[in-house]
Amino acid sequence: MKTSRFLLKFVLNIFPPLLFNRIVLKEISNDFLEMKVIVRRTLFNMNFHKTIFGGSIFSACDPYFPTMYYHIFANKNRKLIIWLKSAEIQYLKPADSSLKLHFQITEEDVMEVERNLNEKGKYEIWHTVEAINKKEDICARAKMLVYLRDDDKKKKLGF
């Protein structure tokens, strides 16, 4: 089942946890291997020090890698169970301006995931994204562990 990038972008941009944190999905590549996100610094996500609240930055890291994998595999007619299993974030510098985040999955990542799903029926893969301010400083770095499972493959493997 092919997914419309434009519909996905619209839905994610009106999804309340992202909308209220002023997190905007700006771009999705045709193959879903890249997404570009902006966290706008506004009154709604600013802390006492006039920097972006850490929870808003963390929220901006959360949904994109699992969403990307879901659509990559949906476009290959493969329905998977995918979720963010673990995440950790380092706040490196106060975010005193809007932030940009560039989520990327490589073709090699997709092949690695596919190979492991075919062999084991499930796989976990780490990805990193950085939140960069207008001066090109890295304000935060997040590592996310994406869990992927193919229940159809598991049934065929017998467990």
Protein backbone atom coordinates (compact mmCIF):
# COMPACT_ATOMS: atom_id res chain seq x y z
CA MET A 1 0.00 0.00 0.00
CA LYS A 2 1.58 3.27 -1.14
CA THR A 3 1.45 6.09 1.35
CA SER A 4 0.97 9.72 0.41
CA ARG A 5 3.82 11.83 1.75
CA PHE A 6 1.59 14.88 1.67
CA LEU A 7 -1.13 13.25 3.76
CA LEU A 8 1.44 11.94 6.26
CA LYS A 9 2.99 15.40 6.55
CA PHE A 10 -0.42 16.98 7.11
CA VAL A 11 -1.45 14.42 9.75
CA LEU A 12 1.82 14.67 11.68
CA ASN A 13 1.73 18.46 11.59
CA ILE A 14 -1.76 18.60 13.14
CA PHE A 15 -1.07 15.78 15.65
CA PRO A 16 -1.61 17.60 19.00
CA PRO A 17 1.58 16.52 20.85
CA LEU A 18 3.66 17.84 17.94
CA LEU A 19 1.48 20.81 17.08
CA PHE A 20 1.38 22.16 20.65
CA ASN A 21 5.15 21.79 20.99
CA ARG A 22 5.56 23.73 17.72
CA ILE A 23 7.21 20.79 15.97
CA VAL A 24 6.80 20.97 12.20
CA LEU A 25 7.62 18.29 9.65
CA LYS A 26 8.99 20.32 6.71
CA GLU A 27 10.13 17.68 4.23
CA ILE A 28 9.75 13.97 3.49
CA SER A 29 11.84 12.36 0.76
CA ASN A 30 10.05 10.32 -1.93
CA ASP A 31 11.46 7.07 -0.51
CA PHE A 32 10.82 8.00 3.17
CA LEU A 33 14.56 7.71 3.91
CA GLU A 34 14.75 11.33 5.07
CA MET A 35 12.62 13.73 7.06
CA LYS A 36 13.43 17.30 8.02
CA VAL A 37 11.83 18.75 11.12
CA ILE A 38 11.81 22.20 12.72
CA VAL A 39 11.12 22.99 16.39
CA ARG A 40 10.04 26.60 16.51
CA ARG A 41 10.86 28.51 19.69
CA THR A 42 7.60 30.15 20.83
CA LEU A 43 5.83 31.06 24.05
CA PHE A 44 4.25 27.59 24.02
CA ASN A 45 7.55 25.69 24.35
CA MET A 46 9.84 28.18 26.07
CA ASN A 47 11.10 27.72 29.61
CA PHE A 48 11.93 30.30 32.28
CA HIS A 49 15.31 30.98 30.63
CA LYS A 50 13.69 31.72 27.23
CA THR A 51 15.12 28.56 25.69
CA ILE A 52 13.20 25.62 24.25
CA PHE A 53 11.93 23.27 26.94
CA GLY A 54 13.86 19.98 26.86
CA GLY A 55 10.65 17.96 26.66
CA SER A 56 9.75 19.70 23.41
CA ILE A 57 13.14 18.82 21.95
CA PHE A 58 12.75 15.22 23.09
CA SER A 59 9.24 15.11 21.58
CA ALA A 60 10.69 16.25 18.27
CA CYS A 61 12.98 13.19 18.24
CA ASP A 62 10.37 10.59 19.12
CA PRO A 63 8.08 9.62 16.22
CA TYR A 64 10.07 10.01 13.03
CA PHE A 65 12.37 6.98 12.71
CA PRO A 66 9.58 4.47 13.44
CA THR A 67 7.28 6.35 11.05
CA MET A 68 9.93 6.30 8.34
CA TYR A 69 10.50 2.55 8.69
CA TYR A 70 6.77 1.88 8.70
CA HIS A 71 6.31 3.66 5.37
CA ILE A 72 9.48 2.29 3.80
CA PHE A 73 8.25 -1.25 4.42
CA ALA A 74 4.59 -0.47 3.67
CA ASN A 75 5.74 0.66 0.23
CA LYS A 76 7.36 -2.78 -0.13
CA ASN A 77 3.98 -4.36 0.81
CA ARG A 78 5.36 -5.52 4.14
CA LYS A 79 3.36 -4.66 7.24
CA LEU A 80 5.49 -4.57 10.38
CA ILE A 81 5.03 -3.84 14.05
CA ILE A 82 7.32 -0.86 14.69
CA TRP A 83 7.84 1.30 17.75
CA LEU A 84 10.47 3.30 19.57
CA LYS A 85 11.82 0.92 22.20
CA SER A 86 14.34 3.19 23.88
CA ALA A 87 15.64 6.73 23.63
CA GLU A 88 18.25 8.83 25.30
CA ILE A 89 19.08 12.48 24.81
CA GLN A 90 21.98 14.71 25.68
CA TYR A 91 21.29 18.42 25.98
CA LEU A 92 24.54 20.05 24.90
CA LYS A 93 23.62 23.71 24.73
CA PRO A 94 20.53 25.80 25.55
CA ALA A 95 18.25 26.10 22.52
CA ASP A 96 17.80 29.86 22.31
CA SER A 97 16.50 29.75 18.72
CA SER A 98 14.43 27.41 16.60
CA LEU A 99 16.02 24.03 15.92
CA LYS A 100 16.30 21.84 12.86
CA LEU A 101 16.55 18.04 12.91
CA HIS A 102 17.44 15.87 9.94
CA PHE A 103 16.35 12.23 10.23
CA GLN A 104 18.11 9.85 7.84
CA ILE A 105 17.95 6.13 7.22
CA THR A 106 20.41 4.67 4.71
CA GLU A 107 19.74 2.00 2.10
CA GLU A 108 22.24 -0.12 4.06
CA ASP A 109 20.11 0.27 7.20
CA VAL A 110 17.04 -0.91 5.27
CA MET A 111 18.93 -3.92 3.85
CA GLU A 112 20.26 -4.80 7.32
CA VAL A 113 16.78 -4.59 8.82
CA GLU A 114 15.29 -6.63 5.99
CA ARG A 115 17.96 -9.34 6.27
CA ASN A 116 17.42 -9.67 10.02
CA LEU A 117 13.64 -9.66 9.71
CA ASN A 118 13.87 -12.46 7.13
CA GLU A 119 16.17 -14.50 9.41
CA LYS A 120 14.75 -13.78 12.88
CA GLY A 121 11.39 -12.09 12.39
CA LYS A 122 12.42 -9.09 14.51
CA TYR A 123 15.23 -6.57 14.78
CA GLU A 124 16.35 -3.52 16.74
CA ILE A 125 18.42 -0.70 15.26
CA TRP A 126 19.92 2.46 16.78
CA HIS A 127 19.75 5.85 15.07
CA THR A 128 21.02 9.27 16.10
CA VAL A 129 19.68 12.73 15.32
CA GLU A 130 20.98 16.16 16.28
CA ALA A 131 18.99 19.30 17.07
CA ILE A 132 20.83 22.24 15.52
CA ASN A 133 20.15 25.91 16.22
CA LYS A 134 20.28 28.87 13.81
CA LYS A 135 24.01 29.37 14.51
CA GLU A 136 24.60 25.74 13.42
CA ASP A 137 25.44 24.69 17.01
CA ILE A 138 24.34 21.24 18.14
CA CYS A 139 21.99 21.85 21.07
CA ALA A 140 20.93 18.23 21.62
CA ARG A 141 21.83 14.76 20.39
CA ALA A 142 19.34 11.90 20.70
CA LYS A 143 19.85 8.18 20.21
CA MET A 144 16.79 6.09 19.48
CA LEU A 145 16.36 2.33 19.40
CA VAL A 146 13.73 1.31 16.85
CA TYR A 147 12.08 -2.09 17.29
CA LEU A 148 10.74 -3.83 14.17
CA ARG A 149 8.83 -7.11 14.04
CA ASP A 150 7.26 -9.07 11.20
CA ASP A 151 4.56 -11.27 12.73
CA ASP A 152 3.96 -13.05 9.41
CA LYS A 153 7.64 -14.02 9.22
CA LYS A 154 7.63 -15.11 12.87
CA LYS A 155 4.75 -17.50 12.21
CA LYS A 156 6.66 -19.03 9.29
CA LEU A 157 9.78 -19.40 11.47
CA GLY A 158 7.76 -21.31 14.08
CA PHE A 159 8.05 -19.14 17.21
